[in-house]
Amino acid sequence: MRRRTLALITALVAAVVLLSVAAVVLLQAPGPAETKPPAPVETKPPAPRVVTVVDYANRTVEVPANVSRVVAIGPGVLRLVAYLGALDKIVGVEDAEKSWSPLGRDYAMAYGDAFKNLPVVGPGGPRNPPNPELLRSLKPDVVLMSRTYVDLYDPDRLSQEVGAPVVVIDYGVAGYLNVTEFKRAITLLGRILGREARAQELAKYIDSVVDDLAQRVRAVQATPSVYVGAVSYKGAQPFTGTQGMFPPLLLLKTRSIVDELGKRGFVNVDFEFILKRQPEYIFIDLNNLKTVLDDYSKDPAKYCALKAFKEGRVYALLPFNYYHTNVATALADAYFMGKVLYPEQFKDVDPASKADEIYRVFLGKPLYEEFVKGFGRGFGPLNDLFKC
């Protein structure tokens, strides 16, 4: 009996020990893992598939985002694409870009060689309508069309026939410089071509140039009388061919003697009109210098009756009106004219260097020497040719 009781006690003690050990083990064992909510996944909104714009024909047009195949047709449009540094997207050009001389078209002087191997999309020029068959064959993402062509070919019809959106572009009247319209045009194109930052950079630069010119002449009390002859307009023009409200002069707050006629655009005046006004300074468009020289050789006395010719105040200008306004050249001309008319206010300016600065900003290349090579001279007096 005693032995049985002892065995029972021993069993109970062992059981208590085992239970104690089990309890300790259970208490030290890890509990179930704490469940954490999943980290939020950052989702980006899908990239837009189209860019919606309102063009210069007041049409709402949807253009694919990230276009890579572009055609620019009509006066001035390819120039704007070049200014925005987007010529790598161009897949075809007008025949005019290959057959016309590039001299005087700033963008063609800079990049004309790149156009030679591109397919032709149509004739080009201000009076020839687009060719939908040639355009369609290149499968463009977008066609950029000059407003000049709207009267020749309906842009909605062209879009349907080509199978691509057509955006109508303009930047003001050809031969003039409308800074507001120019900035609007490059801003619109910047959105289409993915060159928004470049468009802003260019707009800021042109504003700085316009402001610089205005500040230089702000305190000028008396402005000299000026005549600009042989202005480029639809082919060769004589000495009496001029332009009312000449853009480089407008930038200098200076009037031409023809502005009193109240006409804007190309004006053909009588030689007698110029003789009566006797402008103090005369500028001649280099594009038509030969035409003026031919006329001068027939009757030098007629020209020498003008004091500006007699006293050596006749100067050469770079042409800026060629297949719409060459904006960079118009600005360069303004600095040269300012140097001639207001030497004190422009004493720190070297017109050739300033021209190349402008061309570098607009086109990435200096072009002034290309003008000199092409015309045989650049900015400067012409008294070596007109001897009175």
Protein backbone atom coordinates (compact mmCIF):
# COMPACT_ATOMS: atom_id res chain seq x y z
CA MET A 1 0.00 0.00 0.00
CA ARG A 2 2.78 2.39 0.89
CA ARG A 3 4.66 1.47 -2.26
CA ARG A 4 1.52 2.11 -4.38
CA THR A 5 0.96 5.53 -2.81
CA LEU A 6 4.56 6.53 -3.46
CA ALA A 7 4.26 5.54 -7.09
CA LEU A 8 1.08 7.57 -7.42
CA ILE A 9 2.72 10.64 -5.93
CA THR A 10 5.70 10.25 -8.22
CA ALA A 11 3.40 10.08 -11.26
CA LEU A 12 1.53 13.16 -10.18
CA VAL A 13 4.73 15.15 -9.70
CA ALA A 14 5.98 14.06 -13.13
CA ALA A 15 2.70 15.11 -14.70
CA VAL A 16 2.87 18.53 -13.04
CA VAL A 17 6.44 19.02 -14.30
CA LEU A 18 5.50 18.04 -17.84
CA LEU A 19 2.51 20.38 -17.80
CA SER A 20 4.69 23.20 -16.52
CA VAL A 21 7.28 22.63 -19.24
CA ALA A 22 4.56 22.50 -21.88
CA ALA A 23 3.09 25.74 -20.60
CA VAL A 24 6.47 27.48 -20.78
CA VAL A 25 7.01 26.22 -24.34
CA LEU A 26 3.59 27.36 -25.41
CA LEU A 27 4.11 30.77 -23.85
CA GLN A 28 7.44 31.23 -25.66
CA ALA A 29 6.19 30.00 -29.02
CA PRO A 30 5.58 32.77 -31.62
CA GLY A 31 1.97 33.68 -32.22
CA PRO A 32 0.41 34.01 -35.63
CA ALA A 33 2.19 36.59 -37.89
CA GLU A 34 0.72 40.08 -37.78
CA THR A 35 -1.14 40.79 -41.00
CA LYS A 36 -0.26 44.16 -42.53
CA PRO A 37 -2.36 45.83 -45.21
CA PRO A 38 -0.65 45.74 -48.62
CA ALA A 39 1.31 48.85 -49.56
CA PRO A 40 -0.67 51.02 -51.92
CA VAL A 41 0.48 50.68 -55.53
CA GLU A 42 1.05 54.07 -57.14
CA THR A 43 -0.83 54.14 -60.42
CA LYS A 44 -0.16 56.75 -63.07
CA PRO A 45 -2.94 57.97 -65.28
CA PRO A 46 -2.59 56.58 -68.80
CA ALA A 47 -0.71 58.82 -71.20
CA PRO A 48 -3.08 60.73 -73.47
CA ARG A 49 -3.42 59.18 -76.89
CA VAL A 50 -4.28 62.44 -78.63
CA VAL A 51 -3.55 66.15 -78.38
CA THR A 52 -6.56 68.35 -79.08
CA VAL A 53 -5.85 71.75 -80.66
CA VAL A 54 -7.75 74.59 -82.29
CA ASP A 55 -5.97 75.55 -85.51
CA TYR A 56 -5.80 78.75 -87.57
CA ALA A 57 -8.96 77.84 -89.47
CA ASN A 58 -10.78 77.66 -86.11
CA ARG A 59 -11.07 73.87 -86.44
CA THR A 60 -10.80 71.55 -83.45
CA VAL A 61 -8.36 68.82 -84.45
CA GLU A 62 -7.22 65.71 -82.60
CA VAL A 63 -3.59 64.81 -83.30
CA PRO A 64 -1.86 61.63 -82.08
CA ALA A 65 0.42 62.20 -79.12
CA ASN A 66 4.12 61.64 -79.85
CA VAL A 67 3.90 62.12 -83.60
CA SER A 68 6.93 60.90 -85.52
CA ARG A 69 5.87 61.26 -89.19
CA VAL A 70 5.12 64.87 -90.14
CA VAL A 71 4.63 66.77 -93.38
CA ALA A 72 4.65 70.59 -93.52
CA ILE A 73 3.19 72.23 -96.63
CA GLY A 74 2.76 75.81 -97.81
CA PRO A 75 4.54 79.11 -97.18
CA GLY A 76 6.41 79.30 -93.89
CA VAL A 77 5.29 76.08 -92.24
CA LEU A 78 8.48 74.07 -92.69
CA ARG A 79 10.41 77.09 -91.42
CA LEU A 80 8.51 76.96 -88.12
CA VAL A 81 9.21 73.24 -87.78
CA ALA A 82 12.90 74.00 -88.31
CA TYR A 83 12.81 76.81 -85.72
CA LEU A 84 11.42 74.28 -83.22
CA GLY A 85 14.20 71.79 -83.95
CA ALA A 86 11.78 69.13 -85.20
CA LEU A 87 13.03 68.48 -88.74
CA ASP A 88 13.86 64.91 -87.70
CA LYS A 89 10.11 64.22 -87.86
CA ILE A 90 9.71 65.44 -91.46
CA VAL A 91 9.15 62.56 -93.92
CA GLY A 92 8.67 64.52 -97.15
CA VAL A 93 9.01 68.03 -98.59
CA GLU A 94 7.54 70.10 -101.39
CA ASP A 95 9.31 70.18 -104.73
CA ALA A 96 9.93 73.89 -104.16
CA GLU A 97 12.31 72.99 -101.33
CA LYS A 98 14.44 71.07 -103.82
CA SER A 99 14.14 73.19 -106.96
CA TRP A 100 14.26 76.74 -105.57
CA SER A 101 17.50 78.38 -104.50
CA PRO A 102 17.85 78.21 -100.72
CA LEU A 103 19.61 81.60 -100.59
CA GLY A 104 17.40 83.89 -98.51
CA ARG A 105 15.29 81.11 -96.93
CA ASP A 106 17.07 80.82 -93.60
CA TYR A 107 15.89 77.30 -92.72
CA ALA A 108 16.77 75.99 -96.21
CA MET A 109 20.22 77.57 -96.02
CA ALA A 110 20.76 75.75 -92.74
CA TYR A 111 19.22 72.37 -93.56
CA GLY A 112 18.49 72.24 -97.30
CA ASP A 113 20.90 69.35 -97.81
CA ALA A 114 18.71 67.20 -95.56
CA PHE A 115 15.73 67.81 -97.86
CA LYS A 116 17.41 66.42 -100.99
CA ASN A 117 16.79 62.76 -100.21
CA LEU A 118 13.24 63.16 -98.90
CA PRO A 119 10.23 62.23 -101.04
CA VAL A 120 8.27 64.99 -102.77
CA VAL A 121 4.78 65.63 -101.37
CA GLY A 122 3.60 68.17 -103.93
CA PRO A 123 4.73 71.19 -105.94
CA GLY A 124 4.73 73.81 -103.17
CA GLY A 125 4.51 77.53 -103.70
CA PRO A 126 1.73 79.90 -102.63
CA ARG A 127 -0.65 79.13 -105.52
CA ASN A 128 -0.40 75.34 -105.96
CA PRO A 129 -2.88 73.12 -104.06
CA PRO A 130 -1.73 70.11 -102.01
CA ASN A 131 -1.44 66.67 -103.59
CA PRO A 132 -3.45 64.20 -101.45
CA GLU A 133 -2.15 61.10 -103.25
CA LEU A 134 1.49 61.93 -102.60
CA LEU A 135 0.73 62.91 -99.03
CA ARG A 136 -1.20 59.69 -98.35
CA SER A 137 1.66 57.57 -99.71
CA LEU A 138 3.91 58.76 -96.87
CA LYS A 139 1.44 57.76 -94.14
CA PRO A 140 1.97 60.87 -92.02
CA ASP A 141 0.79 61.13 -88.42
CA VAL A 142 -0.17 64.75 -89.12
CA VAL A 143 -0.12 67.24 -92.00
CA LEU A 144 0.73 70.85 -91.09
CA MET A 145 -0.81 73.11 -93.73
CA SER A 146 -0.36 76.83 -94.36
CA ARG A 147 -3.50 78.92 -94.08
CA THR A 148 -2.63 80.11 -97.61
CA TYR A 149 -3.82 76.74 -98.86
CA VAL A 150 -7.24 76.84 -97.20
CA ASP A 151 -8.70 78.71 -100.18
CA LEU A 152 -7.14 76.15 -102.53
CA TYR A 153 -8.12 72.94 -100.74
CA ASP A 154 -10.52 72.28 -97.90
CA PRO A 155 -8.50 70.96 -94.92
CA ASP A 156 -11.27 68.58 -93.81
CA ARG A 157 -11.42 67.06 -97.27
CA LEU A 158 -7.64 66.77 -97.35
CA SER A 159 -7.67 65.04 -93.97
CA GLN A 160 -10.18 62.46 -95.19
CA GLU A 161 -8.25 61.81 -98.40
CA VAL A 162 -4.87 61.53 -96.69
CA GLY A 163 -6.12 59.55 -93.70
CA ALA A 164 -4.41 61.84 -91.19
CA PRO A 165 -5.32 64.98 -89.24
CA VAL A 166 -4.60 68.29 -90.98
CA VAL A 167 -3.71 71.29 -88.82
CA VAL A 168 -3.84 74.76 -90.40
CA ILE A 169 -0.93 77.00 -89.38
CA ASP A 170 -0.05 80.66 -89.94
CA TYR A 171 2.04 83.37 -88.30
CA GLY A 172 0.79 86.57 -89.86
CA VAL A 173 0.95 88.37 -93.21
CA ALA A 174 3.88 87.30 -95.39
CA GLY A 175 6.63 89.89 -95.38
CA TYR A 176 5.65 91.18 -91.94
CA LEU A 177 6.61 90.27 -88.40
CA ASN A 178 3.68 89.83 -86.05
CA VAL A 179 5.41 88.75 -82.85
CA THR A 180 2.16 87.82 -81.12
CA GLU A 181 1.04 85.57 -83.97
CA PHE A 182 4.49 84.07 -84.31
CA LYS A 183 4.55 83.08 -80.64
CA ARG A 184 1.02 81.70 -80.88
CA ALA A 185 1.99 79.60 -83.91
CA ILE A 186 5.12 78.09 -82.36
CA THR A 187 3.25 77.41 -79.12
CA LEU A 188 0.58 75.48 -81.04
CA LEU A 189 3.21 73.58 -83.02
CA GLY A 190 5.20 72.93 -79.86
CA ARG A 191 2.22 71.02 -78.42
CA ILE A 192 1.78 68.98 -81.61
CA LEU A 193 5.47 68.18 -82.08
CA GLY A 194 6.37 67.66 -78.43
CA ARG A 195 8.54 70.77 -78.42
CA GLU A 196 6.77 72.85 -75.78
CA ALA A 197 9.99 73.77 -73.95
CA ARG A 198 11.67 74.82 -77.19
CA ALA A 199 8.67 76.98 -78.13
CA GLN A 200 8.84 78.73 -74.75
CA GLU A 201 12.58 79.28 -75.14
CA LEU A 202 12.14 80.82 -78.58
CA ALA A 203 9.23 83.01 -77.48
CA LYS A 204 11.29 84.30 -74.58
CA TYR A 205 14.23 85.07 -76.84
CA ILE A 206 12.21 87.00 -79.43
CA ASP A 207 10.61 89.02 -76.62
CA SER A 208 14.08 89.90 -75.34
CA VAL A 209 15.19 91.03 -78.81
CA VAL A 210 12.11 93.17 -79.39
CA ASP A 211 12.52 94.72 -75.94
CA ASP A 212 16.24 95.37 -76.49
CA LEU A 213 15.59 97.19 -79.77
CA ALA A 214 12.80 99.26 -78.20
CA GLN A 215 14.95 100.23 -75.20
CA ARG A 216 17.83 101.34 -77.41
CA VAL A 217 15.70 103.85 -79.33
CA ARG A 218 13.42 104.82 -76.46
CA ALA A 219 15.17 108.13 -75.79
CA VAL A 220 15.71 109.09 -79.45
CA GLN A 221 14.18 112.50 -80.05
CA ALA A 222 14.42 112.85 -83.82
CA THR A 223 14.28 110.01 -86.31
CA PRO A 224 15.92 110.29 -89.75
CA SER A 225 14.01 109.91 -92.99
CA VAL A 226 14.47 106.49 -94.57
CA TYR A 227 13.62 104.70 -97.81
CA VAL A 228 13.92 100.95 -98.41
CA GLY A 229 14.10 100.06 -102.10
CA ALA A 230 13.89 96.94 -104.28
CA VAL A 231 12.08 95.03 -101.54
CA SER A 232 11.62 91.32 -102.28
CA TYR A 233 8.07 90.54 -103.33
CA LYS A 234 7.03 87.82 -105.79
CA GLY A 235 10.19 87.98 -107.85
CA ALA A 236 12.66 90.71 -108.80
CA GLN A 237 11.61 94.27 -107.97
CA PRO A 238 13.01 97.65 -109.06
CA PHE A 239 14.36 100.42 -106.86
CA THR A 240 10.88 101.93 -106.69
CA GLY A 241 9.41 98.72 -105.25
CA THR A 242 9.10 99.22 -101.50
CA GLN A 243 7.00 98.25 -98.49
CA GLY A 244 4.82 100.26 -96.18
CA MET A 245 5.35 99.71 -92.47
CA PHE A 246 8.69 97.96 -93.04
CA PRO A 247 9.11 95.46 -90.15
CA PRO A 248 12.74 96.18 -89.10
CA LEU A 249 11.95 99.90 -89.06
CA LEU A 250 8.82 99.29 -86.97
CA LEU A 251 11.00 97.50 -84.41
CA LEU A 252 13.13 100.66 -84.28
CA LYS A 253 10.08 102.96 -83.92
CA THR A 254 11.14 104.60 -87.20
CA ARG A 255 9.03 105.43 -90.23
CA SER A 256 9.78 105.01 -93.91
CA ILE A 257 8.95 107.90 -96.22
CA VAL A 258 6.28 105.71 -97.86
CA ASP A 259 4.40 105.26 -94.59
CA GLU A 260 2.80 108.65 -95.18
CA LEU A 261 0.85 107.02 -98.02
CA GLY A 262 -1.02 104.97 -95.41
CA LYS A 263 -0.47 101.72 -97.32
CA ARG A 264 0.57 98.41 -95.84
CA GLY A 265 2.37 95.79 -97.88
CA PHE A 266 4.19 96.10 -101.18
CA VAL A 267 4.07 99.57 -102.74
CA ASN A 268 5.42 100.73 -106.09
CA VAL A 269 6.15 104.46 -106.00
CA ASP A 270 7.26 106.91 -108.68
CA PHE A 271 10.92 107.87 -108.71
CA GLU A 272 9.73 111.48 -108.47
CA PHE A 273 8.16 110.68 -105.09
CA ILE A 274 11.57 109.61 -103.74
CA LEU A 275 13.29 112.66 -105.29
CA LYS A 276 10.85 115.03 -103.61
CA ARG A 277 11.24 113.40 -100.17
CA GLN A 278 15.05 113.14 -100.40
CA PRO A 279 15.47 110.45 -97.71
CA GLU A 280 18.58 110.80 -95.59
CA TYR A 281 19.25 107.06 -95.68
CA ILE A 282 18.47 104.46 -98.31
CA PHE A 283 18.57 100.67 -97.92
CA ILE A 284 18.47 98.18 -100.81
CA ASP A 285 17.41 94.54 -100.57
CA LEU A 286 20.37 92.41 -101.69
CA ASN A 287 18.04 90.05 -103.49
CA ASN A 288 17.31 92.78 -106.05
CA LEU A 289 20.60 94.68 -106.01
CA LYS A 290 21.45 93.58 -109.57
CA THR A 291 18.12 94.95 -110.84
CA VAL A 292 18.91 98.33 -109.28
CA LEU A 293 22.46 98.32 -110.64
CA ASP A 294 21.19 97.59 -114.15
CA ASP A 295 18.80 100.55 -113.94
CA TYR A 296 21.50 102.78 -112.42
CA SER A 297 23.87 101.99 -115.30
CA LYS A 298 21.28 103.33 -117.76
CA ASP A 299 20.88 106.68 -115.99
CA PRO A 300 23.32 107.33 -113.13
CA ALA A 301 22.33 111.00 -112.93
CA LYS A 302 18.79 110.03 -111.88
CA TYR A 303 20.12 108.19 -108.84
CA CYS A 304 22.80 110.75 -108.09
CA ALA A 305 20.09 113.38 -107.80
CA LEU A 306 19.29 111.72 -104.50
CA LYS A 307 21.45 113.10 -101.67
CA ALA A 308 21.74 109.69 -100.05
CA PHE A 309 23.45 108.35 -103.20
CA LYS A 310 25.57 111.46 -103.62
CA GLU A 311 26.71 111.46 -99.99
CA GLY A 312 27.27 107.70 -99.65
CA ARG A 313 24.36 106.80 -97.38
CA VAL A 314 23.05 103.80 -99.32
CA TYR A 315 23.27 100.39 -97.62
CA ALA A 316 22.62 96.72 -98.32
CA LEU A 317 20.05 94.68 -96.39
CA LEU A 318 19.54 90.92 -96.20
CA PRO A 319 16.25 89.78 -97.80
CA PHE A 320 13.75 88.38 -95.29
CA ASN A 321 10.61 87.84 -97.39
CA TYR A 322 11.02 84.51 -99.18
CA TYR A 323 8.26 81.90 -98.90
CA HIS A 324 6.84 83.87 -95.98
CA THR A 325 8.75 85.90 -93.40
CA ASN A 326 12.23 84.78 -92.37
CA VAL A 327 11.84 85.94 -88.77
CA ALA A 328 15.49 85.54 -87.82
CA THR A 329 16.66 87.64 -90.80
CA ALA A 330 14.12 90.39 -90.11
CA LEU A 331 15.52 90.71 -86.57
CA ALA A 332 19.10 90.74 -87.87
CA ASP A 333 18.18 93.50 -90.36
CA ALA A 334 16.74 95.58 -87.51
CA TYR A 335 20.08 95.57 -85.68
CA PHE A 336 21.99 96.59 -88.80
CA MET A 337 19.55 99.40 -89.60
CA GLY A 338 19.75 100.52 -85.98
CA LYS A 339 23.55 100.61 -86.23
CA VAL A 340 23.33 102.85 -89.32
CA LEU A 341 20.52 105.14 -88.18
CA TYR A 342 21.40 105.38 -84.48
CA PRO A 343 25.13 104.70 -84.17
CA GLU A 344 25.39 105.93 -80.58
CA GLN A 345 22.56 103.71 -79.34
CA PHE A 346 24.00 100.68 -81.18
CA LYS A 347 27.70 101.35 -80.65
CA ASP A 348 28.18 98.01 -78.85
CA VAL A 349 26.57 96.00 -81.66
CA ASP A 350 28.45 94.22 -84.43
CA PRO A 351 25.67 93.48 -86.93
CA ALA A 352 27.32 90.38 -88.40
CA SER A 353 27.96 88.85 -84.98
CA LYS A 354 24.47 89.75 -83.82
CA ALA A 355 22.99 88.14 -86.93
CA ASP A 356 24.83 84.90 -86.20
CA GLU A 357 23.68 84.98 -82.57
CA ILE A 358 20.09 85.21 -83.81
CA TYR A 359 20.57 82.44 -86.38
CA ARG A 360 22.12 80.17 -83.76
CA VAL A 361 19.13 80.64 -81.46
CA PHE A 362 16.57 80.09 -84.22
CA LEU A 363 18.33 77.42 -86.28
CA GLY A 364 21.35 76.21 -84.33
CA LYS A 365 23.82 77.47 -86.96
CA PRO A 366 25.51 80.75 -87.93
CA LEU A 367 24.37 81.81 -91.41
CA TYR A 368 25.68 85.33 -92.00
CA GLU A 369 28.70 84.21 -94.03
CA GLU A 370 26.41 82.05 -96.17
CA PHE A 371 24.55 85.22 -97.15
CA VAL A 372 27.84 86.95 -97.93
CA LYS A 373 28.97 84.06 -100.12
CA GLY A 374 25.66 83.89 -101.89
CA PHE A 375 25.21 87.60 -102.58
CA GLY A 376 28.87 88.59 -102.75
CA ARG A 377 28.42 90.96 -99.82
CA GLY A 378 26.45 91.39 -96.64
CA PHE A 379 25.50 94.35 -94.45
CA GLY A 380 27.32 97.53 -95.40
CA PRO A 381 27.51 100.62 -97.61
CA LEU A 382 27.07 100.39 -101.37
CA ASN A 383 28.95 103.54 -102.39
CA ASP A 384 31.58 101.35 -104.11
CA LEU A 385 28.89 100.37 -106.62
CA PHE A 386 26.93 103.62 -106.92
CA LYS A 387 29.51 106.30 -107.71
CA CYS A 388 28.17 109.82 -107.80
